[in-house]
C-alpha cells in the first residue's frame, strides 16, 4: 500500500430537526380539568387584631397554682455509721503516711531534714552545753551559723565577680580577634580581575 487512497463507505447519520417534538403517546383524558383551581372561588380570610396581655398577668396565676417545694429532711447519721467513718479516716491517714515514707526522697530533702534535726537537737540542749570552744573563741550555735552563712555568701559573691570578669575578658578577646581578621582580609586581599569574586569568599 503505497500512496493509494482508501475508500471507506460510512453510513450517514440522521440528524433530527431542531424543534420537532415527539408525539404524546397518551391520549388526552376525558372529564379531568387541567386547572381545578380556576373553578373554585378564593376564600376571604378576616384578620383580627389581638390585644397583647402583659407577662405579669399571664404568669401571676401560674405561681399561685404551682405546688410548694418540699424540703427533703436528711436522715441523721447513726452511731454505727459514725464509728465506721472514724475508722476509715484513721486507716486513710495511716495509708497516706506509709505511702509518703515509701516514696524515695531526693538528696536535697534528706539533707534538709538532717539539718533541721541537728538544729532541733542543739536548741534542746541547756545553755551551758551550747557553747562550743573553737581554739580560744567560745561561740554559740547561732553565731557559728551566722559565720557559716557569711562565708558561703562571700564565696558566692567572689565566684560571681570572677565569672563576670572572665566573660568580659572573653568578649574583649573575641572583639579584637574579629577586628584583626577583618583588617587582615582587607590588607591581604588578592587582586582579582573577576568582579564577582568578592561574592564567593
N, C-alpha and C. Protein backbone atom coordinates (compact mmCIF):
# COMPACT_ATOMS: atom_id res chain seq x y z
N UNK A 1 0.84 -1.17 0.00
CA UNK A 1 0.00 0.00 0.00
C UNK A 1 0.88 1.22 0.00
N UNK A 2 0.94 1.77 -1.07
CA UNK A 2 1.74 2.96 -1.16
C UNK A 2 0.86 4.18 -1.03
N UNK A 3 0.97 5.06 -1.92
CA UNK A 3 0.23 6.31 -1.80
C UNK A 3 -1.21 6.17 -2.26
N UNK A 4 -1.73 5.03 -2.24
CA UNK A 4 -3.09 4.82 -2.73
C UNK A 4 -4.09 5.33 -1.71
N UNK A 5 -5.23 5.70 -2.22
CA UNK A 5 -6.27 6.25 -1.37
C UNK A 5 -7.21 5.13 -0.97
N UNK A 6 -7.62 5.09 0.28
CA UNK A 6 -8.50 4.03 0.76
C UNK A 6 -9.92 4.57 0.78
N UNK A 7 -10.85 3.78 0.20
CA UNK A 7 -12.25 4.16 0.18
C UNK A 7 -12.98 3.43 1.30
N UNK A 8 -13.63 4.18 2.14
CA UNK A 8 -14.41 3.59 3.22
C UNK A 8 -15.81 4.14 3.09
N UNK A 9 -16.82 3.25 3.06
CA UNK A 9 -18.21 3.70 3.00
C UNK A 9 -18.74 3.83 4.41
N UNK A 10 -19.01 5.04 4.83
CA UNK A 10 -19.54 5.30 6.17
C UNK A 10 -21.03 5.58 6.04
N UNK A 11 -21.87 4.94 6.88
CA UNK A 11 -23.31 5.25 6.80
C UNK A 11 -23.56 6.66 7.30
N UNK A 12 -24.49 7.31 6.68
CA UNK A 12 -24.82 8.68 7.10
C UNK A 12 -25.76 8.65 8.28
N UNK A 13 -25.49 9.48 9.26
CA UNK A 13 -26.34 9.54 10.45
C UNK A 13 -27.48 10.51 10.20
N UNK A 14 -28.63 10.13 10.75
CA UNK A 14 -29.78 11.01 10.59
C UNK A 14 -29.80 11.99 11.77
N UNK A 15 -29.76 13.23 11.45
CA UNK A 15 -29.78 14.27 12.48
C UNK A 15 -31.22 14.77 12.57
N UNK A 16 -31.85 14.74 13.80
CA UNK A 16 -33.24 15.18 13.91
C UNK A 16 -33.33 16.70 13.73
N UNK A 17 -34.48 17.09 13.29
CA UNK A 17 -34.73 18.53 13.13
C UNK A 17 -34.75 19.18 14.49
N UNK A 18 -34.29 20.43 14.61
CA UNK A 18 -34.11 21.04 15.91
C UNK A 18 -35.38 21.23 16.74
N UNK A 19 -36.53 21.59 16.20
CA UNK A 19 -37.71 21.90 17.01
C UNK A 19 -38.80 20.84 16.93
N UNK A 20 -38.48 19.67 16.50
CA UNK A 20 -39.51 18.63 16.42
C UNK A 20 -39.70 18.01 17.79
N UNK A 21 -40.94 17.87 18.20
CA UNK A 21 -41.30 17.25 19.46
C UNK A 21 -41.89 15.89 19.16
N UNK A 22 -41.54 14.85 19.94
CA UNK A 22 -42.17 13.56 19.69
C UNK A 22 -43.64 13.61 20.07
N UNK A 23 -44.42 12.77 19.44
CA UNK A 23 -45.85 12.76 19.73
C UNK A 23 -46.10 12.22 21.13
N UNK A 24 -47.17 12.74 21.77
CA UNK A 24 -47.54 12.29 23.11
C UNK A 24 -48.19 10.93 23.00
N UNK A 25 -47.63 9.87 23.63
CA UNK A 25 -48.18 8.54 23.47
C UNK A 25 -49.51 8.35 24.20
N UNK A 26 -49.80 9.19 25.20
CA UNK A 26 -51.03 9.04 25.96
C UNK A 26 -52.12 9.93 25.36
N UNK A 27 -53.32 9.39 25.24
CA UNK A 27 -54.40 10.24 24.72
C UNK A 27 -54.87 11.19 25.80
N UNK A 28 -55.43 12.32 25.46
CA UNK A 28 -55.91 13.24 26.48
C UNK A 28 -57.04 12.59 27.28
N UNK A 29 -57.01 12.79 28.60
CA UNK A 29 -58.00 12.18 29.48
C UNK A 29 -59.30 12.98 29.40
N UNK A 30 -60.37 12.25 29.52
CA UNK A 30 -61.67 12.90 29.39
C UNK A 30 -62.23 13.15 30.78
N UNK A 31 -62.86 14.28 30.98
CA UNK A 31 -63.54 14.59 32.23
C UNK A 31 -62.62 15.09 33.32
N UNK A 32 -61.36 15.29 33.07
CA UNK A 32 -60.42 15.78 34.08
C UNK A 32 -60.06 17.21 33.72
N UNK A 33 -60.27 18.12 34.69
CA UNK A 33 -59.92 19.52 34.45
C UNK A 33 -58.43 19.69 34.68
N UNK A 34 -57.83 20.39 33.81
CA UNK A 34 -56.40 20.61 33.96
C UNK A 34 -56.11 21.65 35.03
N UNK A 35 -56.95 22.64 35.20
CA UNK A 35 -56.77 23.67 36.23
C UNK A 35 -57.98 23.68 37.14
N UNK A 36 -57.99 22.86 38.20
CA UNK A 36 -59.16 22.81 39.07
C UNK A 36 -59.29 24.08 39.92
N UNK A 37 -58.25 24.81 40.12
CA UNK A 37 -58.29 25.99 40.97
C UNK A 37 -59.06 27.14 40.34
N UNK A 38 -59.16 27.14 39.05
CA UNK A 38 -59.84 28.24 38.37
C UNK A 38 -61.32 28.25 38.66
N UNK A 39 -61.93 27.07 38.85
CA UNK A 39 -63.37 26.99 39.05
C UNK A 39 -63.78 27.39 40.46
N UNK A 40 -62.89 27.17 41.48
CA UNK A 40 -63.25 27.45 42.87
C UNK A 40 -62.99 28.91 43.20
N UNK A 41 -63.92 29.55 43.90
CA UNK A 41 -63.69 30.95 44.29
C UNK A 41 -62.72 30.99 45.49
N UNK A 42 -61.93 32.04 45.58
CA UNK A 42 -60.99 32.20 46.70
C UNK A 42 -61.73 32.53 47.97
N UNK A 43 -61.25 31.92 49.10
CA UNK A 43 -61.87 32.22 50.39
C UNK A 43 -61.25 33.50 50.94
N UNK A 44 -62.04 34.29 51.58
CA UNK A 44 -61.59 35.55 52.15
C UNK A 44 -61.27 35.29 53.62
N UNK A 45 -60.06 35.62 54.03
CA UNK A 45 -59.63 35.42 55.41
C UNK A 45 -59.72 36.76 56.12
N UNK A 46 -60.42 36.76 57.24
CA UNK A 46 -60.54 38.00 58.00
C UNK A 46 -59.42 38.02 59.05
N UNK A 47 -58.76 39.15 59.18
CA UNK A 47 -57.69 39.31 60.15
C UNK A 47 -58.19 40.14 61.31
N UNK A 48 -57.92 39.63 62.53
CA UNK A 48 -58.35 40.34 63.73
C UNK A 48 -57.12 40.78 64.51
N UNK A 49 -57.19 41.90 65.15
CA UNK A 49 -56.09 42.40 65.97
C UNK A 49 -56.31 41.90 67.39
N UNK A 50 -55.28 41.20 67.93
CA UNK A 50 -55.38 40.67 69.29
C UNK A 50 -54.77 41.67 70.26
N UNK A 51 -55.30 41.67 71.45
CA UNK A 51 -54.74 42.52 72.49
C UNK A 51 -53.55 41.81 73.12
N UNK A 52 -52.50 42.54 73.38
CA UNK A 52 -51.31 41.96 74.00
C UNK A 52 -51.47 42.02 75.51
N UNK A 53 -51.36 40.84 76.12
CA UNK A 53 -51.51 40.74 77.57
C UNK A 53 -50.12 40.79 78.19
N UNK A 54 -49.90 41.62 79.22
CA UNK A 54 -48.58 41.68 79.86
C UNK A 54 -48.20 40.34 80.50
N UNK A 55 -46.92 40.06 80.53
CA UNK A 55 -46.41 38.80 81.07
C UNK A 55 -46.76 38.63 82.55
N UNK A 56 -46.79 39.73 83.28
CA UNK A 56 -47.07 39.65 84.71
C UNK A 56 -48.45 39.04 84.95
N UNK A 57 -49.43 39.40 84.12
CA UNK A 57 -50.78 38.86 84.30
C UNK A 57 -50.83 37.39 83.91
N UNK A 58 -50.09 37.03 82.87
CA UNK A 58 -50.12 35.65 82.40
C UNK A 58 -49.50 34.72 83.44
N UNK A 59 -48.33 35.08 83.98
CA UNK A 59 -47.61 34.20 84.89
C UNK A 59 -48.02 34.37 86.34
N UNK A 60 -48.84 35.34 86.65
CA UNK A 60 -49.28 35.57 88.02
C UNK A 60 -50.08 34.37 88.51
N UNK A 61 -50.96 33.84 87.69
CA UNK A 61 -51.78 32.69 88.08
C UNK A 61 -50.93 31.43 88.18
N UNK A 62 -49.92 31.30 87.35
CA UNK A 62 -49.09 30.10 87.35
C UNK A 62 -48.33 29.94 88.67
N UNK A 63 -47.88 31.06 89.24
CA UNK A 63 -47.14 30.99 90.51
C UNK A 63 -48.06 30.55 91.63
N UNK A 64 -49.30 30.99 91.59
CA UNK A 64 -50.24 30.62 92.64
C UNK A 64 -50.63 29.14 92.52
N UNK A 65 -50.64 28.61 91.30
CA UNK A 65 -51.05 27.22 91.08
C UNK A 65 -49.93 26.22 91.34
N UNK A 66 -48.65 26.66 91.28
CA UNK A 66 -47.54 25.74 91.44
C UNK A 66 -47.52 25.18 92.86
N UNK A 67 -47.29 23.85 92.99
CA UNK A 67 -47.25 23.26 94.33
C UNK A 67 -45.99 23.72 95.07
N UNK A 68 -46.06 23.92 96.36
CA UNK A 68 -44.88 24.36 97.11
C UNK A 68 -43.83 23.24 97.13
N UNK A 69 -42.56 23.64 97.08
CA UNK A 69 -41.47 22.67 97.10
C UNK A 69 -41.28 22.16 98.52
N UNK A 70 -41.12 20.86 98.61
CA UNK A 70 -40.93 20.26 99.93
C UNK A 70 -39.44 20.10 100.17
N UNK A 71 -38.98 20.55 101.32
CA UNK A 71 -37.58 20.38 101.68
C UNK A 71 -37.41 18.96 102.21
N UNK A 72 -36.50 18.25 101.58
CA UNK A 72 -36.28 16.86 101.99
C UNK A 72 -35.40 16.84 103.22
N UNK A 73 -35.89 16.22 104.25
CA UNK A 73 -35.14 16.15 105.50
C UNK A 73 -34.08 15.07 105.39
N UNK A 74 -32.87 15.38 105.85
CA UNK A 74 -31.78 14.41 105.83
C UNK A 74 -31.94 13.47 107.01
N UNK A 75 -31.59 12.24 106.75
CA UNK A 75 -31.64 11.28 107.83
C UNK A 75 -30.44 11.49 108.73
N UNK A 76 -30.63 11.45 110.03
CA UNK A 76 -29.47 11.61 110.92
C UNK A 76 -28.57 10.36 110.84
N UNK A 77 -27.27 10.60 111.01
CA UNK A 77 -26.29 9.50 110.95
C UNK A 77 -26.34 8.73 112.25
N UNK A 78 -26.36 7.43 112.12
CA UNK A 78 -26.40 6.59 113.32
C UNK A 78 -25.00 6.51 113.93
N UNK A 79 -24.94 6.05 115.17
CA UNK A 79 -23.65 5.91 115.87
C UNK A 79 -22.77 4.87 115.20
N UNK A 80 -23.39 3.85 114.65
CA UNK A 80 -22.64 2.81 113.95
C UNK A 80 -21.94 3.39 112.72
N UNK A 81 -22.67 4.24 111.97
CA UNK A 81 -22.09 4.87 110.78
C UNK A 81 -20.96 5.82 111.16
N UNK A 82 -21.16 6.57 112.24
CA UNK A 82 -20.11 7.50 112.70
C UNK A 82 -18.84 6.75 113.07
N UNK A 83 -18.98 5.65 113.76
CA UNK A 83 -17.82 4.85 114.17
C UNK A 83 -17.10 4.29 112.93
N UNK A 84 -17.89 3.85 111.97
CA UNK A 84 -17.30 3.32 110.74
C UNK A 84 -16.53 4.41 109.99
N UNK A 85 -17.09 5.62 109.88
CA UNK A 85 -16.41 6.72 109.21
C UNK A 85 -15.10 7.09 109.92
N UNK A 86 -15.13 7.11 111.25
CA UNK A 86 -13.92 7.43 112.01
C UNK A 86 -12.84 6.38 111.75
N UNK A 87 -13.25 5.12 111.70
CA UNK A 87 -12.32 4.03 111.45
C UNK A 87 -11.68 4.17 110.07
N UNK A 88 -12.49 4.52 109.08
CA UNK A 88 -11.98 4.70 107.71
C UNK A 88 -11.00 5.86 107.65
N UNK A 89 -11.31 6.96 108.35
CA UNK A 89 -10.40 8.13 108.35
C UNK A 89 -9.04 7.75 108.91
N UNK A 90 -9.04 6.98 110.01
CA UNK A 90 -7.77 6.56 110.63
C UNK A 90 -6.98 5.69 109.65
N UNK A 91 -7.65 4.77 108.98
CA UNK A 91 -6.97 3.91 108.01
C UNK A 91 -6.38 4.72 106.86
N UNK A 92 -7.13 5.71 106.38
CA UNK A 92 -6.66 6.54 105.27
C UNK A 92 -5.43 7.35 105.68
N UNK A 93 -5.44 7.88 106.91
CA UNK A 93 -4.28 8.64 107.39
C UNK A 93 -3.05 7.74 107.49
N UNK A 94 -3.23 6.52 107.99
CA UNK A 94 -2.10 5.58 108.09
C UNK A 94 -1.56 5.22 106.70
N UNK A 95 -2.46 4.99 105.77
CA UNK A 95 -2.03 4.64 104.41
C UNK A 95 -1.26 5.80 103.78
N UNK A 96 -1.72 7.02 104.04
CA UNK A 96 -1.04 8.20 103.48
C UNK A 96 0.37 8.34 104.05
N UNK A 97 0.51 8.11 105.36
CA UNK A 97 1.84 8.17 105.98
C UNK A 97 2.75 7.09 105.42
N UNK A 98 2.22 5.88 105.27
CA UNK A 98 3.03 4.77 104.75
C UNK A 98 3.47 5.05 103.32
N UNK A 99 2.58 5.64 102.55
CA UNK A 99 2.91 5.96 101.16
C UNK A 99 4.00 7.02 101.09
N UNK A 100 3.91 8.05 101.95
CA UNK A 100 4.93 9.11 101.93
C UNK A 100 6.28 8.58 102.42
N UNK A 101 6.27 7.63 103.35
CA UNK A 101 7.54 7.06 103.82
C UNK A 101 8.15 6.15 102.75
N UNK A 102 7.32 5.45 102.01
CA UNK A 102 7.81 4.53 100.99
C UNK A 102 8.36 5.28 99.77
N UNK A 103 7.90 6.50 99.57
CA UNK A 103 8.35 7.27 98.41
C UNK A 103 9.81 7.67 98.59
N UNK A 104 10.65 7.43 97.56
CA UNK A 104 12.07 7.81 97.71
C UNK A 104 12.22 9.34 97.74
N UNK A 105 13.02 9.80 98.68
CA UNK A 105 13.22 11.24 98.83
C UNK A 105 14.47 11.65 98.07
N UNK A 106 14.45 12.89 97.62
CA UNK A 106 15.62 13.41 96.93
C UNK A 106 16.72 13.69 97.95
N UNK A 107 17.94 13.77 97.48
CA UNK A 107 19.08 14.00 98.37
C UNK A 107 18.94 15.35 99.07
N UNK A 108 18.37 16.32 98.38
CA UNK A 108 18.20 17.66 98.96
C UNK A 108 17.25 17.60 100.16
N UNK A 109 16.13 16.88 100.02
CA UNK A 109 15.17 16.78 101.12
C UNK A 109 15.77 16.04 102.30
N UNK A 110 16.52 14.98 102.02
CA UNK A 110 17.16 14.22 103.10
C UNK A 110 18.13 15.11 103.86
N UNK A 111 18.93 15.90 103.12
CA UNK A 111 19.89 16.80 103.76
C UNK A 111 19.17 17.85 104.60
N UNK A 112 18.07 18.44 104.06
CA UNK A 112 17.34 19.47 104.81
C UNK A 112 16.77 18.89 106.10
N UNK A 113 16.21 17.69 106.03
CA UNK A 113 15.67 17.06 107.24
C UNK A 113 16.77 16.81 108.26
N UNK A 114 17.93 16.39 107.79
CA UNK A 114 19.06 16.12 108.69
C UNK A 114 19.50 17.41 109.38
N UNK A 115 19.59 18.49 108.62
CA UNK A 115 20.00 19.77 109.19
C UNK A 115 18.96 20.25 110.20
N UNK A 116 17.67 20.10 109.89
CA UNK A 116 16.63 20.53 110.83
C UNK A 116 16.70 19.73 112.12
N UNK A 117 16.94 18.42 112.00
CA UNK A 117 17.06 17.59 113.20
C UNK A 117 18.23 18.04 114.06
N UNK A 118 19.36 18.36 113.44
CA UNK A 118 20.54 18.83 114.19
C UNK A 118 20.25 20.14 114.90
N UNK A 119 19.54 21.06 114.20
CA UNK A 119 19.20 22.35 114.83
C UNK A 119 18.27 22.14 116.02
N UNK A 120 17.32 21.22 115.88
CA UNK A 120 16.41 20.96 116.99
C UNK A 120 17.17 20.39 118.19
N UNK A 121 18.14 19.50 117.91
CA UNK A 121 18.93 18.92 119.00
C UNK A 121 19.75 19.99 119.71
N UNK A 122 20.32 20.91 118.92
CA UNK A 122 21.14 21.98 119.51
C UNK A 122 20.26 22.91 120.34
N UNK A 123 19.05 23.21 119.84
CA UNK A 123 18.16 24.12 120.58
C UNK A 123 17.65 23.49 121.86
N UNK A 124 17.56 22.17 121.92
CA UNK A 124 17.06 21.49 123.11
C UNK A 124 18.10 21.41 124.23
N UNK A 125 19.38 21.54 123.91
CA UNK A 125 20.42 21.45 124.93
C UNK A 125 20.35 22.65 125.88
N UNK A 126 20.78 22.46 127.13
CA UNK A 126 20.82 23.61 128.05
C UNK A 126 21.86 24.64 127.58
N UNK A 127 21.73 25.86 128.05
CA UNK A 127 22.54 26.97 127.58
C UNK A 127 24.03 26.75 127.85
N UNK A 128 24.40 26.09 128.94
CA UNK A 128 25.81 25.90 129.24
C UNK A 128 26.47 24.96 128.25
N UNK A 129 25.74 23.97 127.76
CA UNK A 129 26.33 23.00 126.85
C UNK A 129 26.35 23.50 125.40
N UNK A 130 25.62 24.57 125.12
CA UNK A 130 25.51 25.06 123.76
C UNK A 130 26.79 25.69 123.24
N UNK A 131 27.59 26.26 124.08
CA UNK A 131 28.78 26.94 123.60
C UNK A 131 29.83 25.92 123.18
N UNK A 132 30.42 26.18 122.04
CA UNK A 132 31.48 25.30 121.55
C UNK A 132 32.79 26.06 121.60
N UNK A 133 33.82 25.38 121.95
CA UNK A 133 35.11 26.03 122.06
C UNK A 133 35.90 25.75 120.79
N UNK A 134 36.14 26.78 120.03
CA UNK A 134 36.94 26.67 118.82
C UNK A 134 38.21 27.46 119.09
N UNK A 135 39.26 26.73 119.26
CA UNK A 135 40.52 27.40 119.61
C UNK A 135 40.34 28.09 120.96
N UNK A 136 40.54 29.38 121.00
CA UNK A 136 40.35 30.13 122.24
C UNK A 136 39.07 30.96 122.19
N UNK A 137 38.20 30.73 121.15
CA UNK A 137 36.98 31.53 121.00
C UNK A 137 35.77 30.65 121.35
N UNK A 138 34.90 31.16 122.18
CA UNK A 138 33.66 30.47 122.52
C UNK A 138 32.53 31.04 121.65
N UNK A 139 31.84 30.17 120.88
CA UNK A 139 30.75 30.62 120.00
C UNK A 139 29.48 29.85 120.31
N UNK A 140 28.38 30.55 120.23
CA UNK A 140 27.09 29.88 120.36
C UNK A 140 26.72 29.32 118.99
N UNK A 141 25.81 28.37 118.93
CA UNK A 141 25.42 27.81 117.62
C UNK A 141 24.86 28.87 116.67
N UNK A 142 24.15 29.86 117.19
CA UNK A 142 23.61 30.92 116.33
C UNK A 142 24.75 31.73 115.70
N UNK A 143 25.78 32.06 116.51
CA UNK A 143 26.92 32.79 115.97
C UNK A 143 27.68 31.95 114.95
N UNK A 144 27.82 30.65 115.23
CA UNK A 144 28.51 29.76 114.32
C UNK A 144 27.76 29.67 112.97
N UNK A 145 26.43 29.54 113.05
CA UNK A 145 25.61 29.51 111.84
C UNK A 145 25.75 30.80 111.04
N UNK A 146 25.76 31.93 111.76
CA UNK A 146 25.89 33.23 111.09
C UNK A 146 27.24 33.33 110.37
N UNK A 147 28.30 32.86 111.02
CA UNK A 147 29.61 32.88 110.38
C UNK A 147 29.64 31.98 109.13
N UNK A 148 28.98 30.84 109.21
CA UNK A 148 28.92 29.96 108.05
C UNK A 148 28.19 30.62 106.88
N UNK A 149 27.04 31.24 107.18
CA UNK A 149 26.27 31.92 106.13
C UNK A 149 27.10 33.03 105.49
N UNK A 150 27.80 33.79 106.30
CA UNK A 150 28.63 34.88 105.77
C UNK A 150 29.74 34.34 104.88
N UNK A 151 30.34 33.22 105.29
CA UNK A 151 31.42 32.63 104.49
C UNK A 151 30.89 32.14 103.14
N UNK A 152 29.74 31.48 103.17
CA UNK A 152 29.15 30.98 101.92
C UNK A 152 28.77 32.14 101.01
N UNK A 153 28.15 33.17 101.59
CA UNK A 153 27.73 34.34 100.80
C UNK A 153 28.95 35.04 100.20
N UNK A 154 30.02 35.17 100.99
CA UNK A 154 31.24 35.81 100.49
C UNK A 154 31.86 35.01 99.35
N UNK A 155 31.86 33.69 99.48
CA UNK A 155 32.41 32.84 98.42
C UNK A 155 31.59 32.98 97.15
N UNK A 156 30.25 32.99 97.28
CA UNK A 156 29.38 33.12 96.11
C UNK A 156 29.60 34.45 95.40
N UNK A 157 29.69 35.54 96.15
CA UNK A 157 29.89 36.85 95.51
C UNK A 157 31.25 36.90 94.82
N UNK A 158 32.28 36.32 95.45
CA UNK A 158 33.61 36.30 94.85
C UNK A 158 33.60 35.48 93.54
N UNK A 159 32.93 34.33 93.56
CA UNK A 159 32.85 33.47 92.38
C UNK A 159 32.10 34.17 91.25
N UNK A 160 31.00 34.84 91.59
CA UNK A 160 30.23 35.55 90.56
C UNK A 160 31.01 36.70 89.96
N UNK A 161 31.79 37.41 90.79
CA UNK A 161 32.60 38.52 90.28
C UNK A 161 33.67 37.99 89.32
N UNK A 162 34.33 36.87 89.70
CA UNK A 162 35.33 36.28 88.81
C UNK A 162 34.72 35.83 87.49
N UNK A 163 33.53 35.26 87.56
CA UNK A 163 32.85 34.79 86.36
C UNK A 163 32.51 35.97 85.43
N UNK A 164 32.02 37.07 86.00
CA UNK A 164 31.70 38.26 85.20
C UNK A 164 32.96 38.83 84.56
N UNK A 165 34.06 38.85 85.32
CA UNK A 165 35.33 39.34 84.79
C UNK A 165 35.81 38.47 83.63
N UNK A 166 35.69 37.13 83.80
CA UNK A 166 36.12 36.21 82.76
C UNK A 166 35.30 36.41 81.49
N UNK A 167 33.99 36.59 81.62
CA UNK A 167 33.12 36.81 80.45
C UNK A 167 33.48 38.11 79.74
N UNK A 168 33.76 39.14 80.53
CA UNK A 168 34.12 40.44 79.94
C UNK A 168 35.43 40.31 79.16
N UNK A 169 36.38 39.58 79.73
CA UNK A 169 37.68 39.39 79.08
C UNK A 169 37.52 38.58 77.79
N UNK A 170 36.69 37.52 77.81
CA UNK A 170 36.45 36.71 76.63
C UNK A 170 35.77 37.52 75.53
N UNK A 171 34.83 38.39 75.91
CA UNK A 171 34.15 39.22 74.92
C UNK A 171 35.13 40.20 74.28
N UNK A 172 36.03 40.76 75.10
CA UNK A 172 37.05 41.69 74.57
C UNK A 172 37.97 40.97 73.59
N UNK A 173 38.42 39.76 73.95
CA UNK A 173 39.30 38.99 73.07
C UNK A 173 38.60 38.63 71.76
N UNK A 174 37.31 38.25 71.83
CA UNK A 174 36.56 37.90 70.62
C UNK A 174 36.43 39.12 69.71
N UNK A 175 36.21 40.30 70.30
CA UNK A 175 36.09 41.53 69.51
C UNK A 175 37.42 41.86 68.81
N UNK A 176 38.52 41.74 69.57
CA UNK A 176 39.84 42.02 69.00
C UNK A 176 40.16 41.03 67.87
N UNK A 177 39.82 39.77 68.05
CA UNK A 177 40.08 38.76 67.04
C UNK A 177 39.28 39.05 65.76
N UNK A 178 38.05 39.46 65.94
CA UNK A 178 37.19 39.77 64.79
C UNK A 178 37.72 40.97 64.01
N UNK A 179 38.14 42.03 64.71
CA UNK A 179 38.68 43.21 64.01
C UNK A 179 40.00 42.87 63.31
N UNK A 180 40.84 42.03 63.95
CA UNK A 180 42.11 41.63 63.34
C UNK A 180 41.86 40.87 62.04
N UNK A 181 40.88 39.95 62.06
CA UNK A 181 40.56 39.18 60.86
C UNK A 181 40.02 40.08 59.75
N UNK A 182 39.19 41.05 60.09
CA UNK A 182 38.64 41.96 59.09
C UNK A 182 39.75 42.79 58.44
N UNK A 183 40.68 43.27 59.28
CA UNK A 183 41.78 44.08 58.75
C UNK A 183 42.70 43.23 57.87
N UNK A 184 43.02 42.01 58.34
CA UNK A 184 43.92 41.16 57.56
C UNK A 184 43.29 40.75 56.23
N UNK A 185 41.97 40.55 56.20
CA UNK A 185 41.30 40.22 54.95
C UNK A 185 41.36 41.40 53.98
N UNK A 186 41.20 42.62 54.52
CA UNK A 186 41.22 43.80 53.66
C UNK A 186 42.62 44.07 53.10
N UNK A 187 43.65 43.85 53.93
CA UNK A 187 45.02 44.12 53.50
C UNK A 187 45.53 43.04 52.56
N UNK A 188 45.26 41.79 52.90
CA UNK A 188 45.82 40.66 52.15
C UNK A 188 44.89 40.16 51.04
N UNK A 189 43.98 40.96 50.59
CA UNK A 189 43.04 40.54 49.55
C UNK A 189 43.79 40.36 48.23
N UNK A 190 43.61 39.23 47.57
CA UNK A 190 44.25 39.03 46.27
C UNK A 190 43.55 39.88 45.21
N UNK A 191 44.33 40.31 44.22
CA UNK A 191 43.79 41.14 43.16
C UNK A 191 43.12 40.20 42.16
N UNK A 192 41.85 40.41 41.93
CA UNK A 192 41.09 39.58 41.00
C UNK A 192 40.58 40.44 39.87
N UNK A 193 40.65 39.87 38.68
CA UNK A 193 40.05 40.55 37.55
C UNK A 193 38.55 40.29 37.52
N UNK A 194 38.15 39.26 38.24
CA UNK A 194 36.74 38.90 38.26
C UNK A 194 36.02 39.82 39.25
N UNK A 195 35.04 40.55 38.78
CA UNK A 195 34.29 41.46 39.64
C UNK A 195 33.37 40.73 40.63
N UNK A 196 33.01 39.49 40.30
CA UNK A 196 32.12 38.72 41.17
C UNK A 196 32.87 37.85 42.15
N UNK A 197 34.17 37.89 42.17
CA UNK A 197 34.97 37.05 43.05
C UNK A 197 34.77 37.36 44.51
N UNK A 198 34.42 38.60 44.82
CA UNK A 198 34.20 39.02 46.21
C UNK A 198 32.99 38.30 46.80
N UNK A 199 32.02 37.99 45.97
CA UNK A 199 30.78 37.35 46.46
C UNK A 199 31.01 35.94 46.97
N UNK A 200 32.07 35.28 46.48
CA UNK A 200 32.27 33.87 46.82
C UNK A 200 33.41 33.66 47.82
N UNK A 201 33.78 34.66 48.57
CA UNK A 201 34.84 34.49 49.57
C UNK A 201 34.29 34.01 50.86
